[in-house]
N, C-alpha and C. Protein backbone atom coordinates (compact mmCIF):
# COMPACT_ATOMS: atom_id res chain seq x y z
N UNK A 1 -15.35 -12.96 -13.39
CA UNK A 1 -14.70 -13.65 -12.29
C UNK A 1 -15.46 -14.93 -12.04
N UNK A 2 -14.74 -16.03 -12.03
CA UNK A 2 -15.36 -17.33 -11.77
C UNK A 2 -14.75 -17.92 -10.51
N UNK A 3 -15.60 -18.33 -9.60
CA UNK A 3 -15.17 -19.01 -8.38
C UNK A 3 -15.62 -20.45 -8.50
N UNK A 4 -14.65 -21.38 -8.38
CA UNK A 4 -14.96 -22.80 -8.42
C UNK A 4 -14.60 -23.38 -7.07
N UNK A 5 -15.59 -23.95 -6.39
CA UNK A 5 -15.34 -24.53 -5.07
C UNK A 5 -16.45 -25.52 -4.74
N UNK A 6 -16.08 -26.59 -4.03
CA UNK A 6 -17.09 -27.57 -3.62
C UNK A 6 -18.07 -26.95 -2.64
N UNK A 7 -17.56 -26.05 -1.81
CA UNK A 7 -18.44 -25.35 -0.87
C UNK A 7 -18.00 -23.88 -0.79
N UNK A 8 -18.97 -23.02 -0.56
CA UNK A 8 -18.72 -21.59 -0.49
C UNK A 8 -19.41 -21.06 0.77
N UNK A 9 -18.68 -20.25 1.54
CA UNK A 9 -19.29 -19.72 2.76
C UNK A 9 -20.42 -18.76 2.42
N UNK A 10 -21.30 -18.59 3.37
CA UNK A 10 -22.43 -17.67 3.17
C UNK A 10 -21.92 -16.25 2.94
N UNK A 11 -20.84 -15.89 3.63
CA UNK A 11 -20.26 -14.55 3.49
C UNK A 11 -19.80 -14.30 2.05
N UNK A 12 -19.13 -15.28 1.45
CA UNK A 12 -18.66 -15.14 0.06
C UNK A 12 -19.85 -15.10 -0.89
N UNK A 13 -20.83 -15.94 -0.66
CA UNK A 13 -22.03 -15.94 -1.51
C UNK A 13 -22.74 -14.59 -1.46
N UNK A 14 -22.85 -14.03 -0.27
CA UNK A 14 -23.50 -12.73 -0.11
C UNK A 14 -22.71 -11.64 -0.83
N UNK A 15 -21.40 -11.66 -0.65
CA UNK A 15 -20.55 -10.67 -1.32
C UNK A 15 -20.66 -10.81 -2.84
N UNK A 16 -20.59 -12.03 -3.33
CA UNK A 16 -20.67 -12.27 -4.78
C UNK A 16 -22.02 -11.83 -5.35
N UNK A 17 -23.07 -11.92 -4.56
CA UNK A 17 -24.40 -11.54 -5.05
C UNK A 17 -24.48 -10.05 -5.36
N UNK A 18 -23.58 -9.28 -4.81
CA UNK A 18 -23.55 -7.83 -5.06
C UNK A 18 -22.86 -7.49 -6.38
N UNK A 19 -22.22 -8.48 -6.99
CA UNK A 19 -21.46 -8.24 -8.22
C UNK A 19 -21.90 -9.24 -9.29
N UNK A 20 -22.68 -8.78 -10.26
CA UNK A 20 -23.20 -9.70 -11.27
C UNK A 20 -22.12 -10.36 -12.13
N UNK A 21 -20.93 -9.79 -12.18
CA UNK A 21 -19.86 -10.38 -12.99
C UNK A 21 -19.16 -11.55 -12.28
N UNK A 22 -19.56 -11.84 -11.04
CA UNK A 22 -18.98 -12.97 -10.30
C UNK A 22 -19.88 -14.19 -10.48
N UNK A 23 -19.27 -15.26 -10.96
CA UNK A 23 -19.98 -16.51 -11.24
C UNK A 23 -19.46 -17.58 -10.28
N UNK A 24 -20.31 -18.06 -9.40
CA UNK A 24 -19.90 -19.11 -8.45
C UNK A 24 -20.40 -20.45 -8.97
N UNK A 25 -19.46 -21.41 -9.05
CA UNK A 25 -19.79 -22.77 -9.48
C UNK A 25 -19.40 -23.72 -8.35
N UNK A 26 -20.39 -24.31 -7.70
CA UNK A 26 -20.15 -25.20 -6.56
C UNK A 26 -19.91 -26.61 -7.08
N UNK A 27 -18.64 -26.92 -7.25
CA UNK A 27 -18.23 -28.24 -7.75
C UNK A 27 -16.72 -28.35 -7.65
N UNK A 28 -16.19 -29.50 -8.04
CA UNK A 28 -14.74 -29.70 -8.05
C UNK A 28 -14.12 -29.05 -9.28
N UNK A 29 -12.84 -28.72 -9.17
CA UNK A 29 -12.07 -28.13 -10.26
C UNK A 29 -11.89 -29.15 -11.39
N UNK A 30 -12.01 -28.65 -12.63
CA UNK A 30 -11.65 -29.44 -13.81
C UNK A 30 -10.74 -28.56 -14.66
N UNK A 31 -9.77 -29.14 -15.35
CA UNK A 31 -8.80 -28.34 -16.11
C UNK A 31 -9.42 -27.34 -17.08
N UNK A 32 -10.59 -27.63 -17.63
CA UNK A 32 -11.22 -26.69 -18.56
C UNK A 32 -11.68 -25.41 -17.86
N UNK A 33 -11.67 -25.40 -16.52
CA UNK A 33 -12.00 -24.17 -15.80
C UNK A 33 -11.00 -23.06 -16.14
N UNK A 34 -9.84 -23.44 -16.62
CA UNK A 34 -8.80 -22.46 -16.93
C UNK A 34 -8.91 -21.92 -18.37
N UNK A 35 -9.80 -22.50 -19.15
CA UNK A 35 -9.95 -22.03 -20.53
C UNK A 35 -10.38 -20.56 -20.56
N UNK A 36 -9.73 -19.81 -21.41
CA UNK A 36 -10.04 -18.38 -21.60
C UNK A 36 -9.90 -17.55 -20.33
N UNK A 37 -9.00 -17.94 -19.46
CA UNK A 37 -8.73 -17.19 -18.24
C UNK A 37 -7.37 -16.51 -18.37
N UNK A 38 -7.23 -15.34 -17.76
CA UNK A 38 -5.99 -14.58 -17.81
C UNK A 38 -5.18 -14.69 -16.53
N UNK A 39 -5.87 -14.99 -15.43
CA UNK A 39 -5.24 -14.95 -14.12
C UNK A 39 -5.96 -15.95 -13.22
N UNK A 40 -5.19 -16.64 -12.37
CA UNK A 40 -5.79 -17.62 -11.46
C UNK A 40 -5.28 -17.38 -10.05
N UNK A 41 -6.22 -17.37 -9.11
CA UNK A 41 -5.88 -17.32 -7.69
C UNK A 41 -6.41 -18.60 -7.08
N UNK A 42 -5.51 -19.38 -6.48
CA UNK A 42 -5.87 -20.66 -5.88
C UNK A 42 -5.84 -20.51 -4.37
N UNK A 43 -6.91 -20.89 -3.73
CA UNK A 43 -6.99 -20.78 -2.27
C UNK A 43 -7.71 -22.00 -1.72
N UNK A 44 -7.04 -23.14 -1.81
CA UNK A 44 -7.62 -24.36 -1.25
C UNK A 44 -6.77 -24.82 -0.08
N UNK A 45 -7.30 -25.74 0.68
CA UNK A 45 -6.53 -26.35 1.77
C UNK A 45 -5.94 -27.68 1.34
N UNK A 46 -5.85 -27.89 0.03
CA UNK A 46 -5.39 -29.16 -0.50
C UNK A 46 -4.13 -28.94 -1.34
N UNK A 47 -2.95 -29.22 -0.78
CA UNK A 47 -1.69 -28.97 -1.49
C UNK A 47 -1.59 -29.71 -2.84
N UNK A 48 -2.13 -30.92 -2.91
CA UNK A 48 -2.08 -31.67 -4.17
C UNK A 48 -2.93 -30.98 -5.24
N UNK A 49 -4.11 -30.51 -4.86
CA UNK A 49 -4.97 -29.80 -5.80
C UNK A 49 -4.32 -28.48 -6.23
N UNK A 50 -3.72 -27.78 -5.27
CA UNK A 50 -3.02 -26.53 -5.60
C UNK A 50 -1.96 -26.79 -6.67
N UNK A 51 -1.19 -27.85 -6.47
CA UNK A 51 -0.11 -28.18 -7.42
C UNK A 51 -0.68 -28.58 -8.78
N UNK A 52 -1.79 -29.32 -8.77
CA UNK A 52 -2.43 -29.73 -10.03
C UNK A 52 -2.90 -28.50 -10.81
N UNK A 53 -3.57 -27.59 -10.12
CA UNK A 53 -4.07 -26.38 -10.78
C UNK A 53 -2.90 -25.56 -11.32
N UNK A 54 -1.84 -25.49 -10.53
CA UNK A 54 -0.65 -24.74 -10.97
C UNK A 54 -0.07 -25.34 -12.25
N UNK A 55 0.04 -26.67 -12.31
CA UNK A 55 0.59 -27.33 -13.50
C UNK A 55 -0.26 -27.03 -14.74
N UNK A 56 -1.58 -27.10 -14.58
CA UNK A 56 -2.47 -26.80 -15.71
C UNK A 56 -2.35 -25.33 -16.13
N UNK A 57 -2.24 -24.45 -15.15
CA UNK A 57 -2.10 -23.02 -15.47
C UNK A 57 -0.80 -22.76 -16.20
N UNK A 58 0.28 -23.42 -15.78
CA UNK A 58 1.57 -23.26 -16.46
C UNK A 58 1.49 -23.71 -17.91
N UNK A 59 0.84 -24.84 -18.15
CA UNK A 59 0.71 -25.34 -19.52
C UNK A 59 -0.04 -24.34 -20.40
N UNK A 60 -0.99 -23.62 -19.81
CA UNK A 60 -1.78 -22.65 -20.56
C UNK A 60 -1.18 -21.24 -20.49
N UNK A 61 -0.02 -21.15 -19.84
CA UNK A 61 0.69 -19.86 -19.71
C UNK A 61 -0.17 -18.80 -19.01
N UNK A 62 -0.82 -19.22 -17.94
CA UNK A 62 -1.67 -18.33 -17.15
C UNK A 62 -0.93 -18.01 -15.84
N UNK A 63 -0.88 -16.74 -15.50
CA UNK A 63 -0.27 -16.35 -14.23
C UNK A 63 -1.12 -16.86 -13.08
N UNK A 64 -0.43 -17.31 -12.01
CA UNK A 64 -1.14 -17.92 -10.89
C UNK A 64 -0.58 -17.44 -9.55
N UNK A 65 -1.49 -17.31 -8.59
CA UNK A 65 -1.14 -17.03 -7.21
C UNK A 65 -1.75 -18.13 -6.37
N UNK A 66 -0.92 -18.82 -5.60
CA UNK A 66 -1.42 -19.86 -4.70
C UNK A 66 -1.29 -19.31 -3.28
N UNK A 67 -2.43 -19.09 -2.65
CA UNK A 67 -2.46 -18.46 -1.33
C UNK A 67 -1.54 -19.16 -0.35
N UNK A 68 -0.73 -18.36 0.33
CA UNK A 68 0.20 -18.83 1.37
C UNK A 68 1.29 -19.77 0.87
N UNK A 69 1.53 -19.81 -0.43
CA UNK A 69 2.58 -20.66 -0.99
C UNK A 69 3.43 -19.84 -1.97
N UNK A 70 4.30 -18.97 -1.45
CA UNK A 70 5.08 -18.08 -2.33
C UNK A 70 5.85 -18.83 -3.43
N UNK A 71 6.34 -20.02 -3.13
CA UNK A 71 7.13 -20.76 -4.12
C UNK A 71 6.29 -21.16 -5.34
N UNK A 72 4.97 -21.22 -5.18
CA UNK A 72 4.10 -21.61 -6.28
C UNK A 72 3.51 -20.42 -7.03
N UNK A 73 3.86 -19.21 -6.61
CA UNK A 73 3.25 -18.00 -7.17
C UNK A 73 4.07 -17.37 -8.29
N UNK A 74 3.35 -16.86 -9.29
CA UNK A 74 3.97 -16.03 -10.31
C UNK A 74 3.92 -14.56 -9.90
N UNK A 75 3.05 -14.23 -8.96
CA UNK A 75 2.89 -12.86 -8.46
C UNK A 75 2.30 -12.93 -7.06
N UNK A 76 2.45 -11.82 -6.33
CA UNK A 76 1.89 -11.73 -4.99
C UNK A 76 0.84 -10.63 -4.98
N UNK A 77 -0.10 -10.76 -4.07
CA UNK A 77 -1.12 -9.73 -3.90
C UNK A 77 -0.70 -8.84 -2.74
N UNK A 78 -0.50 -7.57 -3.01
CA UNK A 78 -0.06 -6.65 -1.97
C UNK A 78 -1.24 -5.95 -1.32
N UNK A 79 -0.98 -5.39 -0.16
CA UNK A 79 -1.95 -4.53 0.50
C UNK A 79 -1.71 -3.11 0.01
N UNK A 80 -2.78 -2.37 -0.18
CA UNK A 80 -2.67 -1.01 -0.70
C UNK A 80 -3.22 -0.03 0.32
N UNK A 81 -2.42 0.99 0.64
CA UNK A 81 -2.87 2.10 1.48
C UNK A 81 -3.16 3.26 0.56
N UNK A 82 -4.35 3.85 0.66
CA UNK A 82 -4.73 4.98 -0.18
C UNK A 82 -5.09 6.17 0.69
N UNK A 83 -4.47 7.29 0.41
CA UNK A 83 -4.81 8.56 1.05
C UNK A 83 -4.86 9.59 -0.07
N UNK A 84 -6.03 9.84 -0.59
CA UNK A 84 -6.16 10.75 -1.73
C UNK A 84 -5.38 10.20 -2.91
N UNK A 85 -4.46 11.01 -3.43
CA UNK A 85 -3.66 10.58 -4.58
C UNK A 85 -2.44 9.75 -4.19
N UNK A 86 -2.19 9.60 -2.89
CA UNK A 86 -1.07 8.77 -2.44
C UNK A 86 -1.52 7.32 -2.38
N UNK A 87 -0.72 6.45 -2.97
CA UNK A 87 -1.00 5.02 -2.89
C UNK A 87 0.31 4.30 -2.55
N UNK A 88 0.28 3.54 -1.48
CA UNK A 88 1.44 2.77 -1.04
C UNK A 88 1.11 1.29 -1.14
N UNK A 89 1.99 0.53 -1.76
CA UNK A 89 1.81 -0.91 -1.85
C UNK A 89 2.72 -1.59 -0.84
N UNK A 90 2.19 -2.59 -0.17
CA UNK A 90 2.94 -3.32 0.85
C UNK A 90 2.97 -4.78 0.44
N UNK A 91 4.16 -5.36 0.43
CA UNK A 91 4.28 -6.78 0.11
C UNK A 91 5.28 -7.43 1.05
N UNK A 92 4.99 -8.64 1.45
CA UNK A 92 5.94 -9.43 2.24
C UNK A 92 6.44 -10.59 1.39
N UNK A 93 6.31 -10.47 0.06
CA UNK A 93 6.68 -11.54 -0.87
C UNK A 93 6.02 -12.86 -0.50
N UNK A 94 4.79 -12.76 -0.03
CA UNK A 94 4.02 -13.96 0.30
C UNK A 94 4.39 -14.59 1.63
N UNK A 95 5.32 -14.00 2.36
CA UNK A 95 5.77 -14.61 3.62
C UNK A 95 4.74 -14.45 4.74
N UNK A 96 4.08 -13.28 4.80
CA UNK A 96 3.11 -13.07 5.87
C UNK A 96 2.08 -12.03 5.48
N UNK A 97 1.01 -12.47 4.83
CA UNK A 97 -0.07 -11.55 4.50
C UNK A 97 -0.64 -10.85 5.74
N UNK A 98 -0.57 -11.51 6.88
CA UNK A 98 -1.09 -10.91 8.11
C UNK A 98 -0.28 -9.67 8.49
N UNK A 99 1.05 -9.75 8.35
CA UNK A 99 1.87 -8.58 8.66
C UNK A 99 1.57 -7.46 7.67
N UNK A 100 1.42 -7.80 6.40
CA UNK A 100 1.07 -6.78 5.40
C UNK A 100 -0.25 -6.11 5.77
N UNK A 101 -1.21 -6.90 6.21
CA UNK A 101 -2.52 -6.37 6.60
C UNK A 101 -2.37 -5.43 7.79
N UNK A 102 -1.59 -5.83 8.78
CA UNK A 102 -1.40 -4.99 9.98
C UNK A 102 -0.65 -3.70 9.63
N UNK A 103 0.37 -3.80 8.78
CA UNK A 103 1.09 -2.59 8.36
C UNK A 103 0.15 -1.64 7.62
N UNK A 104 -0.72 -2.20 6.81
CA UNK A 104 -1.69 -1.38 6.10
C UNK A 104 -2.55 -0.61 7.11
N UNK A 105 -3.03 -1.31 8.14
CA UNK A 105 -3.86 -0.66 9.16
C UNK A 105 -3.09 0.45 9.86
N UNK A 106 -1.83 0.18 10.23
CA UNK A 106 -1.01 1.18 10.92
C UNK A 106 -0.79 2.40 10.04
N UNK A 107 -0.40 2.17 8.78
CA UNK A 107 -0.15 3.29 7.87
C UNK A 107 -1.42 4.06 7.57
N UNK A 108 -2.53 3.36 7.39
CA UNK A 108 -3.80 4.03 7.09
C UNK A 108 -4.16 5.00 8.21
N UNK A 109 -3.91 4.58 9.46
CA UNK A 109 -4.22 5.43 10.61
C UNK A 109 -3.16 6.52 10.82
N UNK A 110 -1.90 6.22 10.51
CA UNK A 110 -0.79 7.13 10.80
C UNK A 110 -0.64 8.27 9.80
N UNK A 111 -0.94 8.01 8.56
CA UNK A 111 -0.74 9.02 7.53
C UNK A 111 -1.92 9.98 7.57
N UNK A 112 -1.64 11.25 7.82
CA UNK A 112 -2.75 12.21 7.93
C UNK A 112 -3.47 12.42 6.60
N UNK A 113 -4.77 12.64 6.69
CA UNK A 113 -5.56 12.89 5.48
C UNK A 113 -5.09 14.16 4.77
N UNK A 114 -4.53 15.09 5.54
CA UNK A 114 -4.05 16.35 4.97
C UNK A 114 -2.88 16.16 4.01
N UNK A 115 -2.29 14.98 4.02
CA UNK A 115 -1.17 14.74 3.11
C UNK A 115 -1.60 14.93 1.66
N UNK A 116 -2.85 14.67 1.37
CA UNK A 116 -3.33 14.88 0.00
C UNK A 116 -3.24 16.36 -0.38
N UNK A 117 -3.52 17.26 0.58
CA UNK A 117 -3.36 18.70 0.31
C UNK A 117 -1.91 19.02 -0.04
N UNK A 118 -0.99 18.41 0.71
CA UNK A 118 0.44 18.62 0.45
C UNK A 118 0.80 18.11 -0.95
N UNK A 119 0.26 16.95 -1.32
CA UNK A 119 0.53 16.43 -2.66
C UNK A 119 0.04 17.39 -3.74
N UNK A 120 -1.14 17.96 -3.52
CA UNK A 120 -1.68 18.90 -4.51
C UNK A 120 -0.81 20.15 -4.59
N UNK A 121 -0.34 20.63 -3.43
CA UNK A 121 0.53 21.81 -3.41
C UNK A 121 1.86 21.52 -4.11
N UNK A 122 2.41 20.34 -3.86
CA UNK A 122 3.67 19.98 -4.53
C UNK A 122 3.46 19.87 -6.04
N UNK A 123 2.33 19.35 -6.44
CA UNK A 123 2.04 19.26 -7.87
C UNK A 123 1.94 20.66 -8.48
N UNK A 124 1.29 21.58 -7.75
CA UNK A 124 1.19 22.96 -8.23
C UNK A 124 2.58 23.59 -8.34
N UNK A 125 3.43 23.37 -7.32
CA UNK A 125 4.79 23.89 -7.36
C UNK A 125 5.54 23.30 -8.54
N UNK A 126 5.44 22.01 -8.70
CA UNK A 126 6.11 21.32 -9.80
C UNK A 126 5.69 21.90 -11.15
N UNK A 127 4.40 22.14 -11.32
CA UNK A 127 3.90 22.67 -12.58
C UNK A 127 4.28 24.13 -12.80
N UNK A 128 4.54 24.86 -11.70
CA UNK A 128 4.87 26.28 -11.84
C UNK A 128 6.36 26.53 -12.09
N UNK A 129 7.19 25.53 -11.80
CA UNK A 129 8.64 25.72 -11.97
C UNK A 129 9.01 25.80 -13.44
N UNK A 130 9.88 26.74 -13.73
CA UNK A 130 10.39 26.84 -15.09
C UNK A 130 11.87 26.51 -15.05
N UNK A 131 12.39 26.09 -16.13
CA UNK A 131 13.80 25.72 -16.20
C UNK A 131 13.94 24.28 -16.62
N UNK A 132 15.19 23.83 -16.65
CA UNK A 132 15.44 22.45 -17.09
C UNK A 132 15.14 21.46 -15.97
N UNK A 133 15.25 20.19 -16.30
CA UNK A 133 14.93 19.11 -15.36
C UNK A 133 15.78 19.20 -14.09
N UNK A 134 17.07 19.46 -14.23
CA UNK A 134 17.97 19.52 -13.08
C UNK A 134 17.55 20.62 -12.11
N UNK A 135 17.18 21.78 -12.64
CA UNK A 135 16.74 22.89 -11.79
C UNK A 135 15.47 22.51 -11.04
N UNK A 136 14.49 21.93 -11.76
CA UNK A 136 13.23 21.54 -11.14
C UNK A 136 13.46 20.50 -10.04
N UNK A 137 14.32 19.55 -10.35
CA UNK A 137 14.62 18.50 -9.36
C UNK A 137 15.24 19.11 -8.10
N UNK A 138 16.17 20.05 -8.29
CA UNK A 138 16.83 20.71 -7.16
C UNK A 138 15.81 21.46 -6.30
N UNK A 139 14.91 22.19 -6.94
CA UNK A 139 13.91 22.96 -6.20
C UNK A 139 12.92 22.04 -5.47
N UNK A 140 12.51 20.99 -6.11
CA UNK A 140 11.58 20.06 -5.47
C UNK A 140 12.26 19.31 -4.33
N UNK A 141 13.53 19.00 -4.48
CA UNK A 141 14.28 18.35 -3.39
C UNK A 141 14.39 19.29 -2.20
N UNK A 142 14.61 20.58 -2.45
CA UNK A 142 14.66 21.55 -1.35
C UNK A 142 13.31 21.60 -0.62
N UNK A 143 12.24 21.61 -1.39
CA UNK A 143 10.91 21.72 -0.80
C UNK A 143 10.54 20.50 0.03
N UNK A 144 11.09 19.34 -0.31
CA UNK A 144 10.72 18.11 0.41
C UNK A 144 11.81 17.61 1.36
N UNK A 145 12.90 18.36 1.50
CA UNK A 145 14.03 17.92 2.33
C UNK A 145 13.61 17.66 3.77
N UNK A 146 12.64 18.41 4.26
CA UNK A 146 12.22 18.23 5.65
C UNK A 146 11.66 16.82 5.91
N UNK A 147 11.18 16.17 4.86
CA UNK A 147 10.63 14.82 5.02
C UNK A 147 11.70 13.79 5.38
N UNK A 148 12.95 14.07 5.01
CA UNK A 148 14.01 13.10 5.27
C UNK A 148 15.08 13.64 6.22
N UNK A 149 14.88 14.85 6.72
CA UNK A 149 15.83 15.43 7.67
C UNK A 149 15.41 15.06 9.08
N UNK A 150 16.30 14.42 9.85
CA UNK A 150 15.96 14.08 11.23
C UNK A 150 15.57 15.34 12.02
N UNK A 151 14.61 15.19 12.92
CA UNK A 151 14.14 16.34 13.70
C UNK A 151 15.28 17.03 14.42
N UNK A 152 16.26 16.26 14.88
CA UNK A 152 17.39 16.85 15.61
C UNK A 152 18.23 17.77 14.73
N UNK A 153 18.16 17.58 13.41
CA UNK A 153 18.94 18.41 12.49
C UNK A 153 18.14 19.54 11.87
N UNK A 154 16.84 19.57 12.13
CA UNK A 154 16.01 20.61 11.55
C UNK A 154 16.21 21.91 12.32
N UNK A 155 16.45 22.97 11.60
CA UNK A 155 16.63 24.27 12.22
C UNK A 155 15.28 24.91 12.47
N UNK A 156 15.06 25.39 13.70
CA UNK A 156 13.79 26.07 13.95
C UNK A 156 13.75 27.39 13.18
N UNK A 157 12.56 27.85 12.93
CA UNK A 157 12.44 29.12 12.21
C UNK A 157 12.98 30.24 13.07
N UNK A 158 13.26 31.38 12.43
CA UNK A 158 13.83 32.53 13.13
C UNK A 158 12.90 32.99 14.26
N UNK A 159 11.59 33.08 13.99
CA UNK A 159 10.64 33.52 15.01
C UNK A 159 10.63 32.55 16.18
N UNK A 160 10.67 31.25 15.87
CA UNK A 160 10.65 30.25 16.92
C UNK A 160 11.92 30.36 17.78
N UNK A 161 13.07 30.59 17.12
CA UNK A 161 14.32 30.74 17.89
C UNK A 161 14.23 31.95 18.82
N UNK A 162 13.66 33.07 18.33
CA UNK A 162 13.51 34.26 19.17
C UNK A 162 12.54 33.97 20.32
N UNK A 163 11.49 33.24 20.07
CA UNK A 163 10.53 32.89 21.11
C UNK A 163 11.19 32.03 22.18
N UNK A 164 11.98 31.07 21.76
CA UNK A 164 12.69 30.20 22.72
C UNK A 164 13.69 31.02 23.52
N UNK A 165 14.47 31.85 22.83
CA UNK A 165 15.47 32.68 23.51
C UNK A 165 14.80 33.63 24.48
N UNK A 166 13.70 34.27 24.03
CA UNK A 166 12.98 35.21 24.90
C UNK A 166 12.43 34.52 26.13
N UNK A 167 11.88 33.31 25.94
CA UNK A 167 11.35 32.54 27.08
C UNK A 167 12.45 32.18 28.06
N UNK A 168 13.60 31.80 27.53
CA UNK A 168 14.75 31.45 28.37
C UNK A 168 15.21 32.66 29.17
N UNK A 169 15.34 33.81 28.51
CA UNK A 169 15.78 35.04 29.19
C UNK A 169 14.77 35.44 30.26
N UNK A 170 13.46 35.36 29.92
CA UNK A 170 12.41 35.69 30.88
C UNK A 170 12.45 34.76 32.07
N UNK A 171 12.67 33.46 31.83
CA UNK A 171 12.75 32.48 32.93
C UNK A 171 13.92 32.80 33.85
N UNK A 172 15.06 33.16 33.27
CA UNK A 172 16.24 33.49 34.08
C UNK A 172 15.97 34.75 34.89
N UNK A 173 15.33 35.74 34.26
CA UNK A 173 15.02 36.99 34.95
C UNK A 173 14.08 36.74 36.13
N UNK A 174 13.11 35.86 35.96
CA UNK A 174 12.16 35.56 37.06
C UNK A 174 12.88 34.86 38.19
N UNK A 175 13.76 33.93 37.86
CA UNK A 175 14.51 33.21 38.90
C UNK A 175 15.37 34.18 39.71
N UNK A 176 16.05 35.11 39.02
CA UNK A 176 16.91 36.08 39.73
C UNK A 176 16.08 37.09 40.51
N UNK A 177 14.85 37.38 40.08
CA UNK A 177 14.00 38.34 40.78
C UNK A 177 13.50 37.76 42.09
N UNK A 178 13.39 36.44 42.16
CA UNK A 178 12.91 35.80 43.39
C UNK A 178 14.02 35.83 44.39
């Protein structure tokens, strides 16, 4: 990883010092900086320089991302939420990295850590099913239907229904006893 910049914040320098594969060069960009590169991320406050780097990258057929300029990007950098084996990617197509960051924070906090246990159980179920693809798909869809069924349409379990009914009958009996 090569960082080319006339100035680099102390925070970036400190972070880069933890990774020996990061090479910081404090100077202006020159087209040869793109030699033998596979990917370029441009993050300057200079639109003319951004466009110049993009033109050179295009000539060399290098994929480029220009921060906060979706029209100049060949790809976008998404936010990733990780919970065990679950990985969710969030993208705003470069429109608002801040919203992607906030959504990542919300999802990271909202998704329970126990979801990884559920993923492992579903994987075990999937591996234990015998039969053709259609049968397996049907069984797995049944097992996960609760994830997409609105709470208002979910049927309570038989024991729960008896508990609710019993509580209702007991409440009515107490009211009439008074």
